Amino acid sequence: MRVVLAEDLYLLREGLIRLLEAHGFTIAAAVETGPELLEALLTHRPDVAVVDVRLPPTLTDEGLQAALKARREIRGLPVLVLSQHVQQLYARELLADGTGGIGYLLKDRVFNAAQFIDAVRRVAAGGTAMDPDVIAQLMQTTSRRPGPLLGLSPREREVLELMAEGCSNSAIAARLSVSDGAVAKHIANIFSKLELAPDEDANRRVMAVLAYLNGTAGQSG
């Protein structure tokens, strides 16, 4: 699996390279600036991009901006944001096209290699891996928006939040102390209330999560 990595701090970049290579990934490019990231993504078209938000030359939002530009050219390009900061505006834009393959982790909340590698693989496979703190910040505005999301019960919103983190049905059941069957029923209700047309369940899970984080819903297609 080929990765493009963008991180401006030398020691962290080298550490991530070694960690990814140790788990079977191939580093197609490892860059430290926004322009280099955009060029690498368009040139190598990797299986997944691991991107810091703040990169030179401005150290503001260069990484996220480059990822957004690349996704406009390469629809569905999987992007895992790894940052110390939550950029709500651009995070929402990253989620907005509904193609899945999105993650947003906070550096100081990645506690072990297994957690990080699992997130990279999940995003590369078209899923989501969202830090709970990122979800909470995005939902501060989403919760005030009208639409089908308001029709979700408190339990259904809990289930959907755990889906956003990338939890499986059994993991959700364990976290909420309910049966797998109860989780499956909640998820079926979520699909119905968000008006997600019949499709592969894996795709509908991603669409439901993206709708949740964007405050939008509609037919998948």
N, C-alpha and C. Protein backbone atom coordinates (compact mmCIF):
# COMPACT_ATOMS: atom_id res chain seq x y z
N MET A 1 0.85 -1.19 0.00
CA MET A 1 0.00 0.00 0.00
C MET A 1 0.89 1.24 0.00
N ARG A 2 0.66 2.15 -0.93
CA ARG A 2 1.52 3.31 -1.13
C ARG A 2 0.99 4.53 -0.38
N VAL A 3 1.90 5.23 0.31
CA VAL A 3 1.53 6.36 1.15
C VAL A 3 2.31 7.60 0.72
N VAL A 4 1.63 8.73 0.66
CA VAL A 4 2.31 10.03 0.60
C VAL A 4 2.15 10.66 1.98
N LEU A 5 3.27 11.05 2.56
CA LEU A 5 3.32 11.59 3.92
C LEU A 5 3.75 13.05 3.87
N ALA A 6 3.04 13.90 4.60
CA ALA A 6 3.41 15.32 4.69
C ALA A 6 3.53 15.72 6.15
N GLU A 7 4.73 16.05 6.56
CA GLU A 7 5.01 16.45 7.95
C GLU A 7 6.29 17.30 7.93
N ASP A 8 6.22 18.50 8.49
CA ASP A 8 7.37 19.40 8.40
C ASP A 8 8.42 19.16 9.47
N LEU A 9 8.07 18.51 10.57
CA LEU A 9 9.05 18.25 11.62
C LEU A 9 9.87 17.01 11.27
N TYR A 10 11.17 17.19 11.16
CA TYR A 10 12.04 16.13 10.66
C TYR A 10 11.94 14.85 11.47
N LEU A 11 12.08 14.93 12.78
CA LEU A 11 12.08 13.72 13.60
C LEU A 11 10.75 12.99 13.52
N LEU A 12 9.65 13.73 13.55
CA LEU A 12 8.34 13.09 13.45
C LEU A 12 8.15 12.47 12.08
N ARG A 13 8.57 13.17 11.03
CA ARG A 13 8.45 12.63 9.67
C ARG A 13 9.23 11.32 9.53
N GLU A 14 10.47 11.32 10.02
CA GLU A 14 11.29 10.11 9.92
C GLU A 14 10.71 8.98 10.76
N GLY A 15 10.16 9.33 11.93
CA GLY A 15 9.54 8.31 12.77
C GLY A 15 8.33 7.69 12.10
N LEU A 16 7.50 8.51 11.45
CA LEU A 16 6.32 8.00 10.75
C LEU A 16 6.72 7.13 9.57
N ILE A 17 7.76 7.53 8.86
CA ILE A 17 8.25 6.71 7.74
C ILE A 17 8.62 5.32 8.24
N ARG A 18 9.39 5.25 9.29
CA ARG A 18 9.84 3.95 9.81
C ARG A 18 8.66 3.13 10.36
N LEU A 19 7.73 3.79 11.01
CA LEU A 19 6.57 3.09 11.54
C LEU A 19 5.73 2.50 10.40
N LEU A 20 5.46 3.30 9.38
CA LEU A 20 4.65 2.82 8.26
C LEU A 20 5.37 1.70 7.51
N GLU A 21 6.64 1.86 7.26
CA GLU A 21 7.39 0.82 6.54
C GLU A 21 7.45 -0.47 7.36
N ALA A 22 7.54 -0.35 8.67
CA ALA A 22 7.58 -1.54 9.52
C ALA A 22 6.28 -2.33 9.46
N HIS A 23 5.19 -1.68 9.06
CA HIS A 23 3.90 -2.35 8.97
C HIS A 23 3.48 -2.61 7.52
N GLY A 24 4.46 -2.63 6.63
CA GLY A 24 4.21 -3.08 5.27
C GLY A 24 3.80 -2.02 4.27
N PHE A 25 3.81 -0.75 4.66
CA PHE A 25 3.47 0.32 3.72
C PHE A 25 4.70 0.73 2.92
N THR A 26 4.47 1.24 1.72
CA THR A 26 5.53 1.80 0.89
C THR A 26 5.38 3.31 0.87
N ILE A 27 6.44 4.04 1.17
CA ILE A 27 6.39 5.50 1.17
C ILE A 27 6.68 5.98 -0.25
N ALA A 28 5.64 6.43 -0.93
CA ALA A 28 5.81 6.95 -2.29
C ALA A 28 6.51 8.30 -2.27
N ALA A 29 6.23 9.10 -1.24
CA ALA A 29 6.89 10.39 -1.08
C ALA A 29 6.70 10.85 0.36
N ALA A 30 7.71 11.53 0.89
CA ALA A 30 7.62 12.14 2.23
C ALA A 30 8.07 13.58 2.07
N VAL A 31 7.15 14.52 2.28
CA VAL A 31 7.42 15.92 1.97
C VAL A 31 7.17 16.78 3.20
N GLU A 32 7.59 18.07 3.10
CA GLU A 32 7.46 18.94 4.27
C GLU A 32 6.78 20.26 3.98
N THR A 33 6.35 20.51 2.74
CA THR A 33 5.66 21.76 2.42
C THR A 33 4.35 21.48 1.68
N GLY A 34 3.46 22.49 1.69
CA GLY A 34 2.20 22.35 1.00
C GLY A 34 2.35 22.14 -0.50
N PRO A 35 3.13 22.96 -1.20
CA PRO A 35 3.30 22.75 -2.64
C PRO A 35 3.89 21.38 -2.98
N GLU A 36 4.86 20.91 -2.18
CA GLU A 36 5.43 19.58 -2.41
C GLU A 36 4.37 18.50 -2.22
N LEU A 37 3.49 18.69 -1.25
CA LEU A 37 2.44 17.70 -1.01
C LEU A 37 1.51 17.61 -2.20
N LEU A 38 1.04 18.74 -2.70
CA LEU A 38 0.13 18.71 -3.84
C LEU A 38 0.77 18.04 -5.04
N GLU A 39 2.02 18.38 -5.32
CA GLU A 39 2.72 17.76 -6.45
C GLU A 39 2.87 16.25 -6.25
N ALA A 40 3.21 15.83 -5.04
CA ALA A 40 3.39 14.40 -4.75
C ALA A 40 2.07 13.64 -4.90
N LEU A 41 0.98 14.23 -4.42
CA LEU A 41 -0.32 13.55 -4.51
C LEU A 41 -0.75 13.38 -5.97
N LEU A 42 -0.59 14.42 -6.76
CA LEU A 42 -1.01 14.35 -8.16
C LEU A 42 -0.09 13.47 -8.98
N THR A 43 1.18 13.41 -8.59
CA THR A 43 2.15 12.58 -9.33
C THR A 43 2.02 11.11 -8.98
N HIS A 44 1.96 10.80 -7.69
CA HIS A 44 2.00 9.41 -7.25
C HIS A 44 0.62 8.78 -7.09
N ARG A 45 -0.43 9.58 -6.89
CA ARG A 45 -1.78 9.06 -6.69
C ARG A 45 -1.77 7.86 -5.72
N PRO A 46 -1.43 8.13 -4.47
CA PRO A 46 -1.20 7.05 -3.51
C PRO A 46 -2.50 6.38 -3.07
N ASP A 47 -2.35 5.28 -2.36
CA ASP A 47 -3.50 4.59 -1.77
C ASP A 47 -4.06 5.39 -0.59
N VAL A 48 -3.21 6.17 0.05
CA VAL A 48 -3.65 7.01 1.17
C VAL A 48 -2.61 8.11 1.39
N ALA A 49 -3.11 9.28 1.80
CA ALA A 49 -2.23 10.39 2.17
C ALA A 49 -2.34 10.62 3.67
N VAL A 50 -1.20 10.79 4.32
CA VAL A 50 -1.16 11.14 5.75
C VAL A 50 -0.61 12.56 5.83
N VAL A 51 -1.44 13.48 6.31
CA VAL A 51 -1.17 14.90 6.09
C VAL A 51 -1.28 15.70 7.38
N ASP A 52 -0.25 16.50 7.66
CA ASP A 52 -0.35 17.49 8.74
C ASP A 52 -1.08 18.71 8.18
N VAL A 53 -1.84 19.40 9.03
CA VAL A 53 -2.59 20.58 8.59
C VAL A 53 -1.65 21.73 8.29
N ARG A 54 -0.76 22.04 9.21
CA ARG A 54 0.07 23.23 9.13
C ARG A 54 1.44 22.88 8.56
N LEU A 55 1.67 23.32 7.33
CA LEU A 55 2.94 23.07 6.65
C LEU A 55 3.51 24.39 6.14
N PRO A 56 4.83 24.44 5.90
CA PRO A 56 5.41 25.61 5.23
C PRO A 56 4.80 25.74 3.83
N PRO A 57 4.76 26.93 3.25
CA PRO A 57 5.49 28.11 3.72
C PRO A 57 4.78 28.96 4.76
N THR A 58 3.47 28.83 4.93
CA THR A 58 2.76 29.73 5.83
C THR A 58 2.53 29.16 7.22
N LEU A 59 2.62 27.83 7.35
CA LEU A 59 2.35 27.16 8.62
C LEU A 59 0.96 27.49 9.15
N THR A 60 -0.01 27.58 8.25
CA THR A 60 -1.40 27.81 8.65
C THR A 60 -2.22 26.57 8.31
N ASP A 61 -2.65 26.47 7.06
CA ASP A 61 -3.48 25.33 6.66
C ASP A 61 -3.02 24.74 5.34
N GLU A 62 -1.72 24.87 5.06
CA GLU A 62 -1.19 24.45 3.76
C GLU A 62 -1.45 22.97 3.45
N GLY A 63 -1.31 22.10 4.47
CA GLY A 63 -1.48 20.68 4.24
C GLY A 63 -2.90 20.32 3.86
N LEU A 64 -3.85 20.86 4.60
CA LEU A 64 -5.26 20.57 4.33
C LEU A 64 -5.69 21.16 3.00
N GLN A 65 -5.21 22.34 2.68
CA GLN A 65 -5.53 22.96 1.40
C GLN A 65 -5.00 22.12 0.24
N ALA A 66 -3.79 21.63 0.37
CA ALA A 66 -3.21 20.79 -0.68
C ALA A 66 -4.00 19.50 -0.85
N ALA A 67 -4.41 18.90 0.26
CA ALA A 67 -5.22 17.67 0.19
C ALA A 67 -6.55 17.94 -0.50
N LEU A 68 -7.18 19.07 -0.19
CA LEU A 68 -8.45 19.41 -0.83
C LEU A 68 -8.28 19.60 -2.32
N LYS A 69 -7.23 20.30 -2.73
CA LYS A 69 -6.98 20.51 -4.16
C LYS A 69 -6.75 19.17 -4.85
N ALA A 70 -6.00 18.28 -4.21
CA ALA A 70 -5.73 16.97 -4.82
C ALA A 70 -7.00 16.15 -4.96
N ARG A 71 -7.90 16.21 -3.96
CA ARG A 71 -9.14 15.45 -4.03
C ARG A 71 -10.08 15.97 -5.12
N ARG A 72 -9.92 17.23 -5.50
CA ARG A 72 -10.72 17.74 -6.61
C ARG A 72 -10.25 17.13 -7.92
N GLU A 73 -8.96 16.78 -7.99
CA GLU A 73 -8.41 16.14 -9.19
C GLU A 73 -8.53 14.63 -9.12
N ILE A 74 -8.41 14.06 -7.94
CA ILE A 74 -8.44 12.61 -7.75
C ILE A 74 -9.60 12.31 -6.81
N ARG A 75 -10.77 12.12 -7.36
CA ARG A 75 -11.97 11.94 -6.55
C ARG A 75 -11.83 10.70 -5.66
N GLY A 76 -12.14 10.90 -4.37
CA GLY A 76 -12.09 9.78 -3.45
C GLY A 76 -10.71 9.48 -2.91
N LEU A 77 -9.72 10.34 -3.19
CA LEU A 77 -8.38 10.13 -2.65
C LEU A 77 -8.45 10.02 -1.13
N PRO A 78 -8.05 8.89 -0.54
CA PRO A 78 -8.12 8.75 0.93
C PRO A 78 -7.12 9.67 1.63
N VAL A 79 -7.61 10.41 2.61
CA VAL A 79 -6.76 11.37 3.32
C VAL A 79 -6.95 11.18 4.83
N LEU A 80 -5.84 10.95 5.51
CA LEU A 80 -5.84 10.93 6.98
C LEU A 80 -5.09 12.15 7.46
N VAL A 81 -5.81 13.06 8.10
CA VAL A 81 -5.20 14.26 8.66
C VAL A 81 -4.65 13.91 10.05
N LEU A 82 -3.41 14.28 10.28
CA LEU A 82 -2.76 14.03 11.56
C LEU A 82 -2.21 15.37 12.03
N SER A 83 -2.85 15.95 13.03
CA SER A 83 -2.53 17.33 13.37
C SER A 83 -2.69 17.59 14.86
N GLN A 84 -2.18 18.73 15.29
CA GLN A 84 -2.41 19.20 16.65
C GLN A 84 -3.64 20.09 16.73
N HIS A 85 -4.23 20.41 15.59
CA HIS A 85 -5.28 21.42 15.54
C HIS A 85 -6.49 20.90 14.77
N VAL A 86 -7.66 21.43 15.11
CA VAL A 86 -8.88 21.15 14.35
C VAL A 86 -9.23 22.39 13.54
N GLN A 87 -9.14 22.28 12.23
CA GLN A 87 -9.55 23.37 11.34
C GLN A 87 -10.96 23.05 10.85
N GLN A 88 -11.98 23.61 11.52
CA GLN A 88 -13.35 23.19 11.25
C GLN A 88 -13.78 23.46 9.82
N LEU A 89 -13.46 24.63 9.29
CA LEU A 89 -13.93 24.98 7.95
C LEU A 89 -13.41 24.00 6.92
N TYR A 90 -12.10 23.76 6.93
CA TYR A 90 -11.52 22.90 5.93
C TYR A 90 -11.79 21.42 6.20
N ALA A 91 -11.96 21.08 7.47
CA ALA A 91 -12.36 19.71 7.79
C ALA A 91 -13.72 19.41 7.18
N ARG A 92 -14.64 20.36 7.28
CA ARG A 92 -15.97 20.17 6.69
C ARG A 92 -15.88 20.05 5.17
N GLU A 93 -15.03 20.87 4.55
CA GLU A 93 -14.88 20.78 3.10
C GLU A 93 -14.30 19.44 2.70
N LEU A 94 -13.39 18.92 3.51
CA LEU A 94 -12.80 17.61 3.23
C LEU A 94 -13.86 16.52 3.28
N LEU A 95 -14.82 16.68 4.18
CA LEU A 95 -15.88 15.69 4.34
C LEU A 95 -17.02 15.86 3.32
N ALA A 96 -17.07 17.02 2.67
CA ALA A 96 -18.29 17.42 1.97
C ALA A 96 -18.59 16.63 0.70
N ASP A 97 -17.57 16.07 0.03
CA ASP A 97 -17.88 15.43 -1.25
C ASP A 97 -18.44 14.03 -1.10
N GLY A 98 -18.46 13.52 0.15
CA GLY A 98 -19.17 12.28 0.41
C GLY A 98 -18.54 11.02 -0.17
N THR A 99 -17.25 11.07 -0.45
CA THR A 99 -16.61 9.90 -1.07
C THR A 99 -15.92 8.99 -0.06
N GLY A 100 -15.94 9.34 1.21
CA GLY A 100 -15.34 8.47 2.21
C GLY A 100 -13.83 8.55 2.18
N GLY A 101 -13.19 7.57 2.83
CA GLY A 101 -11.74 7.57 2.89
C GLY A 101 -11.20 8.80 3.59
N ILE A 102 -11.76 9.12 4.78
CA ILE A 102 -11.38 10.34 5.49
C ILE A 102 -11.08 10.02 6.96
N GLY A 103 -10.00 10.59 7.46
CA GLY A 103 -9.70 10.48 8.88
C GLY A 103 -9.14 11.78 9.39
N TYR A 104 -9.32 12.03 10.69
CA TYR A 104 -8.78 13.25 11.30
C TYR A 104 -8.40 12.88 12.73
N LEU A 105 -7.10 12.71 12.96
CA LEU A 105 -6.59 12.35 14.27
C LEU A 105 -5.78 13.50 14.85
N LEU A 106 -5.85 13.66 16.16
CA LEU A 106 -5.04 14.65 16.85
C LEU A 106 -3.76 13.98 17.37
N LYS A 107 -2.63 14.60 17.08
CA LYS A 107 -1.34 13.98 17.38
C LYS A 107 -1.20 13.58 18.84
N ASP A 108 -1.67 14.44 19.74
CA ASP A 108 -1.46 14.15 21.16
C ASP A 108 -2.46 13.14 21.71
N ARG A 109 -3.34 12.61 20.82
CA ARG A 109 -4.29 11.59 21.26
C ARG A 109 -4.07 10.25 20.53
N VAL A 110 -2.97 10.15 19.80
CA VAL A 110 -2.58 8.86 19.23
C VAL A 110 -1.64 8.20 20.22
N PHE A 111 -2.12 7.14 20.87
CA PHE A 111 -1.42 6.61 22.03
C PHE A 111 -0.53 5.40 21.73
N ASN A 112 -0.71 4.77 20.56
CA ASN A 112 0.14 3.63 20.24
C ASN A 112 0.14 3.39 18.74
N ALA A 113 1.10 2.55 18.29
CA ALA A 113 1.26 2.30 16.86
C ALA A 113 0.05 1.60 16.27
N ALA A 114 -0.53 0.66 17.03
CA ALA A 114 -1.67 -0.11 16.51
C ALA A 114 -2.84 0.80 16.18
N GLN A 115 -3.10 1.79 17.04
CA GLN A 115 -4.20 2.73 16.82
C GLN A 115 -3.97 3.51 15.52
N PHE A 116 -2.75 3.99 15.33
CA PHE A 116 -2.44 4.79 14.14
C PHE A 116 -2.50 3.95 12.88
N ILE A 117 -1.87 2.79 12.89
CA ILE A 117 -1.84 1.93 11.71
C ILE A 117 -3.25 1.47 11.33
N ASP A 118 -4.06 1.15 12.33
CA ASP A 118 -5.45 0.77 12.06
C ASP A 118 -6.19 1.91 11.37
N ALA A 119 -5.96 3.14 11.81
CA ALA A 119 -6.62 4.29 11.19
C ALA A 119 -6.16 4.47 9.74
N VAL A 120 -4.88 4.33 9.49
CA VAL A 120 -4.37 4.47 8.12
C VAL A 120 -5.01 3.43 7.21
N ARG A 121 -5.05 2.18 7.66
CA ARG A 121 -5.64 1.12 6.84
C ARG A 121 -7.13 1.33 6.63
N ARG A 122 -7.83 1.76 7.66
CA ARG A 122 -9.27 1.98 7.56
C ARG A 122 -9.58 3.07 6.54
N VAL A 123 -8.83 4.16 6.60
CA VAL A 123 -9.04 5.27 5.66
C VAL A 123 -8.68 4.83 4.24
N ALA A 124 -7.58 4.12 4.09
CA ALA A 124 -7.18 3.64 2.77
C ALA A 124 -8.24 2.75 2.15
N ALA A 125 -8.98 2.02 2.99
CA ALA A 125 -10.03 1.12 2.51
C ALA A 125 -11.34 1.85 2.23
N GLY A 126 -11.36 3.18 2.43
CA GLY A 126 -12.56 3.95 2.14
C GLY A 126 -13.41 4.27 3.35
N GLY A 127 -12.92 3.95 4.54
CA GLY A 127 -13.69 4.19 5.76
C GLY A 127 -13.33 5.51 6.42
N THR A 128 -13.76 5.66 7.68
CA THR A 128 -13.50 6.88 8.43
C THR A 128 -12.77 6.56 9.72
N ALA A 129 -11.98 7.51 10.17
CA ALA A 129 -11.27 7.39 11.46
C ALA A 129 -11.19 8.79 12.05
N MET A 130 -12.18 9.12 12.88
CA MET A 130 -12.28 10.47 13.42
C MET A 130 -12.03 10.46 14.92
N ASP A 131 -11.16 11.36 15.38
CA ASP A 131 -10.93 11.50 16.81
C ASP A 131 -12.19 12.05 17.47
N PRO A 132 -12.57 11.53 18.64
CA PRO A 132 -13.78 12.03 19.31
C PRO A 132 -13.77 13.54 19.55
N ASP A 133 -12.60 14.12 19.82
CA ASP A 133 -12.53 15.57 20.03
C ASP A 133 -12.83 16.33 18.74
N VAL A 134 -12.39 15.79 17.61
CA VAL A 134 -12.69 16.41 16.32
C VAL A 134 -14.19 16.35 16.06
N ILE A 135 -14.78 15.18 16.32
CA ILE A 135 -16.22 15.03 16.14
C ILE A 135 -16.97 16.05 16.99
N ALA A 136 -16.54 16.18 18.25
CA ALA A 136 -17.24 17.10 19.16
C ALA A 136 -17.19 18.53 18.65
N GLN A 137 -16.05 18.95 18.13
CA GLN A 137 -15.94 20.33 17.63
C GLN A 137 -16.77 20.53 16.38
N LEU A 138 -16.78 19.54 15.48
CA LEU A 138 -17.60 19.65 14.28
C LEU A 138 -19.08 19.67 14.63
N MET A 139 -19.46 18.90 15.64
CA MET A 139 -20.87 18.80 15.99
C MET A 139 -21.39 20.02 16.73
N GLN A 140 -20.50 20.89 17.20
CA GLN A 140 -20.96 22.11 17.86
C GLN A 140 -21.82 22.95 16.93
N THR A 141 -21.50 22.93 15.63
CA THR A 141 -22.30 23.66 14.66
C THR A 141 -23.32 22.76 13.98
N THR A 142 -22.95 21.52 13.71
CA THR A 142 -23.87 20.60 13.04
C THR A 142 -25.15 20.41 13.83
N SER A 143 -25.04 20.34 15.17
CA SER A 143 -26.20 20.06 16.00
C SER A 143 -27.25 21.16 15.92
N ARG A 144 -26.85 22.34 15.43
CA ARG A 144 -27.81 23.44 15.32
C ARG A 144 -28.45 23.51 13.94
N ARG A 145 -28.06 22.62 13.04
CA ARG A 145 -28.61 22.66 11.69
C ARG A 145 -29.91 21.85 11.62
N PRO A 146 -30.87 22.29 10.78
CA PRO A 146 -32.08 21.51 10.60
C PRO A 146 -31.85 20.32 9.71
N GLY A 147 -32.85 19.42 9.63
CA GLY A 147 -32.76 18.31 8.70
C GLY A 147 -32.91 16.97 9.36
N PRO A 148 -32.70 15.90 8.58
CA PRO A 148 -32.92 14.54 9.08
C PRO A 148 -32.11 14.17 10.31
N LEU A 149 -30.97 14.82 10.53
CA LEU A 149 -30.17 14.49 11.70
C LEU A 149 -30.93 14.74 12.99
N LEU A 150 -31.81 15.72 12.97
CA LEU A 150 -32.58 16.03 14.16
C LEU A 150 -33.57 14.93 14.50
N GLY A 151 -33.85 14.06 13.53
CA GLY A 151 -34.78 12.97 13.77
C GLY A 151 -34.15 11.77 14.44
N LEU A 152 -32.82 11.80 14.61
CA LEU A 152 -32.15 10.68 15.26
C LEU A 152 -32.38 10.73 16.76
N SER A 153 -32.57 9.55 17.34
CA SER A 153 -32.71 9.47 18.80
C SER A 153 -31.33 9.67 19.44
N PRO A 154 -31.29 9.98 20.73
CA PRO A 154 -29.99 10.11 21.41
C PRO A 154 -29.12 8.87 21.26
N ARG A 155 -29.72 7.69 21.35
CA ARG A 155 -28.95 6.45 21.20
C ARG A 155 -28.42 6.30 19.78
N GLU A 156 -29.24 6.65 18.79
CA GLU A 156 -28.79 6.56 17.40
C GLU A 156 -27.64 7.52 17.14
N ARG A 157 -27.67 8.68 17.76
CA ARG A 157 -26.56 9.62 17.60
C ARG A 157 -25.29 9.07 18.26
N GLU A 158 -25.45 8.39 19.40
CA GLU A 158 -24.29 7.74 20.03
C GLU A 158 -23.69 6.69 19.11
N VAL A 159 -24.56 5.87 18.52
CA VAL A 159 -24.10 4.83 17.61
C VAL A 159 -23.37 5.45 16.42
N LEU A 160 -23.94 6.51 15.86
CA LEU A 160 -23.35 7.14 14.69
C LEU A 160 -22.01 7.79 15.02
N GLU A 161 -21.90 8.35 16.22
CA GLU A 161 -20.63 8.94 16.63
C GLU A 161 -19.54 7.87 16.73
N LEU A 162 -19.90 6.71 17.26
CA LEU A 162 -18.93 5.61 17.35
C LEU A 162 -18.59 5.06 15.97
N MET A 163 -19.57 5.06 15.06
CA MET A 163 -19.28 4.68 13.68
C MET A 163 -18.26 5.63 13.07
N ALA A 164 -18.38 6.93 13.37
CA ALA A 164 -17.45 7.93 12.87
C ALA A 164 -16.03 7.66 13.36
N GLU A 165 -15.91 7.16 14.58
CA GLU A 165 -14.60 6.82 15.11
C GLU A 165 -14.02 5.58 14.44
N GLY A 166 -14.86 4.84 13.71
CA GLY A 166 -14.41 3.66 13.01
C GLY A 166 -14.72 2.37 13.73
N CYS A 167 -15.59 2.42 14.75
CA CYS A 167 -15.91 1.22 15.52
C CYS A 167 -16.78 0.26 14.72
N SER A 168 -16.52 -1.03 14.85
CA SER A 168 -17.36 -2.07 14.26
C SER A 168 -18.63 -2.21 15.10
N ASN A 169 -19.59 -3.00 14.58
CA ASN A 169 -20.83 -3.22 15.34
C ASN A 169 -20.55 -3.83 16.70
N SER A 170 -19.66 -4.81 16.75
CA SER A 170 -19.37 -5.46 18.03
C SER A 170 -18.68 -4.50 18.99
N ALA A 171 -17.80 -3.64 18.46
CA ALA A 171 -17.13 -2.66 19.31
C ALA A 171 -18.13 -1.63 19.85
N ILE A 172 -19.08 -1.22 19.00
CA ILE A 172 -20.12 -0.30 19.45
C ILE A 172 -20.95 -0.94 20.55
N ALA A 173 -21.32 -2.21 20.33
CA ALA A 173 -22.11 -2.93 21.33
C ALA A 173 -21.39 -2.98 22.67
N ALA A 174 -20.08 -3.24 22.63
CA ALA A 174 -19.31 -3.30 23.87
C ALA A 174 -19.23 -1.94 24.55
N ARG A 175 -19.04 -0.88 23.76
CA ARG A 175 -18.93 0.46 24.34
C ARG A 175 -20.23 0.91 24.98
N LEU A 176 -21.37 0.52 24.37
CA LEU A 176 -22.67 0.97 24.85
C LEU A 176 -23.36 -0.06 25.75
N SER A 177 -22.72 -1.23 25.95
CA SER A 177 -23.27 -2.31 26.78
C SER A 177 -24.65 -2.75 26.29
N VAL A 178 -24.73 -2.96 24.97
CA VAL A 178 -25.96 -3.48 24.36
C VAL A 178 -25.59 -4.66 23.48
N SER A 179 -26.59 -5.34 22.93
CA SER A 179 -26.33 -6.50 22.08
C SER A 179 -25.96 -6.07 20.67
N ASP A 180 -25.29 -6.98 19.94
CA ASP A 180 -24.99 -6.72 18.53
C ASP A 180 -26.27 -6.49 17.74
N GLY A 181 -27.31 -7.23 18.09
CA GLY A 181 -28.59 -7.08 17.39
C GLY A 181 -29.19 -5.70 17.58
N ALA A 182 -29.05 -5.17 18.79
CA ALA A 182 -29.56 -3.82 19.07
C ALA A 182 -28.81 -2.79 18.24
N VAL A 183 -27.49 -2.97 18.13
CA VAL A 183 -26.70 -2.04 17.32
C VAL A 183 -27.12 -2.11 15.86
N ALA A 184 -27.31 -3.32 15.34
CA ALA A 184 -27.74 -3.48 13.95
C ALA A 184 -29.07 -2.79 13.70
N LYS A 185 -29.98 -2.90 14.67
CA LYS A 185 -31.29 -2.24 14.53
C LYS A 185 -31.13 -0.73 14.54
N HIS A 186 -30.30 -0.19 15.41
CA HIS A 186 -30.06 1.25 15.44
C HIS A 186 -29.48 1.73 14.10
N ILE A 187 -28.54 0.96 13.56
CA ILE A 187 -27.90 1.35 12.30
C ILE A 187 -28.91 1.33 11.15
N ALA A 188 -29.78 0.33 11.14
CA ALA A 188 -30.83 0.27 10.11
C ALA A 188 -31.74 1.50 10.21
N ASN A 189 -32.07 1.90 11.45
CA ASN A 189 -32.90 3.09 11.65
C ASN A 189 -32.18 4.35 11.17
N ILE A 190 -30.88 4.40 11.42
CA ILE A 190 -30.09 5.56 10.98
C ILE A 190 -30.11 5.67 9.47
N PHE A 191 -29.87 4.54 8.78
CA PHE A 191 -29.89 4.56 7.31
C PHE A 191 -31.23 5.05 6.80
N SER A 192 -32.30 4.60 7.43
CA SER A 192 -33.64 4.98 7.00
C SER A 192 -33.90 6.46 7.23
N LYS A 193 -33.56 6.96 8.42
CA LYS A 193 -33.83 8.35 8.76
C LYS A 193 -32.97 9.32 7.95
N LEU A 194 -31.77 8.89 7.57
CA LEU A 194 -30.91 9.74 6.75
C LEU A 194 -31.18 9.56 5.26
N GLU A 195 -32.18 8.74 4.94
CA GLU A 195 -32.63 8.55 3.56
C GLU A 195 -31.50 8.05 2.66
N LEU A 196 -30.72 7.11 3.21
CA LEU A 196 -29.64 6.51 2.42
C LEU A 196 -30.19 5.30 1.68
N ALA A 197 -30.19 5.37 0.37
CA ALA A 197 -30.77 4.32 -0.46
C ALA A 197 -30.02 3.02 -0.28
N PRO A 198 -30.67 1.86 -0.52
CA PRO A 198 -30.00 0.56 -0.39
C PRO A 198 -28.71 0.52 -1.20
N ASP A 199 -27.67 0.04 -0.58
CA ASP A 199 -26.35 -0.02 -1.18
C ASP A 199 -25.55 -0.99 -0.33
N GLU A 200 -24.26 -1.14 -0.62
CA GLU A 200 -23.42 -1.95 0.25
C GLU A 200 -23.40 -1.31 1.64
N ASP A 201 -23.53 -2.14 2.68
CA ASP A 201 -23.57 -1.60 4.03
C ASP A 201 -22.34 -0.78 4.37
N ALA A 202 -21.16 -1.22 3.89
CA ALA A 202 -19.93 -0.48 4.19
C ALA A 202 -20.01 0.92 3.63
N ASN A 203 -20.54 1.07 2.42
CA ASN A 203 -20.67 2.38 1.81
C ASN A 203 -21.69 3.22 2.55
N ARG A 204 -22.81 2.60 2.96
CA ARG A 204 -23.83 3.36 3.68
C ARG A 204 -23.32 3.82 5.04
N ARG A 205 -22.46 3.03 5.67
CA ARG A 205 -21.87 3.46 6.94
C ARG A 205 -21.07 4.75 6.74
N VAL A 206 -20.25 4.77 5.68
CA VAL A 206 -19.45 5.95 5.41
C VAL A 206 -20.34 7.14 5.09
N MET A 207 -21.36 6.92 4.25
CA MET A 207 -22.26 8.01 3.88
C MET A 207 -22.99 8.56 5.11
N ALA A 208 -23.40 7.66 6.01
CA ALA A 208 -24.08 8.10 7.22
C ALA A 208 -23.16 8.94 8.10
N VAL A 209 -21.92 8.51 8.23
CA VAL A 209 -20.95 9.25 9.04
C VAL A 209 -20.71 10.63 8.44
N LEU A 210 -20.52 10.69 7.12
CA LEU A 210 -20.27 11.97 6.48
C LEU A 210 -21.47 12.90 6.60
N ALA A 211 -22.68 12.33 6.47
CA ALA A 211 -23.88 13.13 6.66
C ALA A 211 -23.95 13.67 8.08
N TYR A 212 -23.59 12.83 9.03
CA TYR A 212 -23.61 13.23 10.45
C TYR A 212 -22.65 14.39 10.70
N LEU A 213 -21.43 14.28 10.18
CA LEU A 213 -20.42 15.29 10.44
C LEU A 213 -20.68 16.58 9.67
N ASN A 214 -21.37 16.46 8.53
CA ASN A 214 -21.68 17.64 7.72
C ASN A 214 -23.00 18.28 8.09
N GLY A 215 -23.84 17.53 8.80
CA GLY A 215 -25.18 18.05 9.08
C GLY A 215 -26.07 18.00 7.88
N THR A 216 -25.80 17.07 6.95
CA THR A 216 -26.60 16.91 5.75
C THR A 216 -26.96 15.47 5.58
N ALA A 217 -27.94 15.20 4.74
CA ALA A 217 -28.33 13.82 4.43
C ALA A 217 -29.03 13.80 3.09
N GLY A 218 -29.12 12.61 2.52
CA GLY A 218 -29.81 12.49 1.23
C GLY A 218 -29.55 11.15 0.61
N GLN A 219 -29.97 10.96 -0.61
CA GLN A 219 -29.84 9.68 -1.29
C GLN A 219 -28.39 9.43 -1.64
N SER A 220 -27.92 8.21 -1.40
CA SER A 220 -26.60 7.80 -1.86
C SER A 220 -26.76 7.17 -3.21
N GLY A 221 -25.62 7.16 -3.94
CA GLY A 221 -25.82 6.70 -5.19
C GLY A 221 -25.22 5.88 -6.07
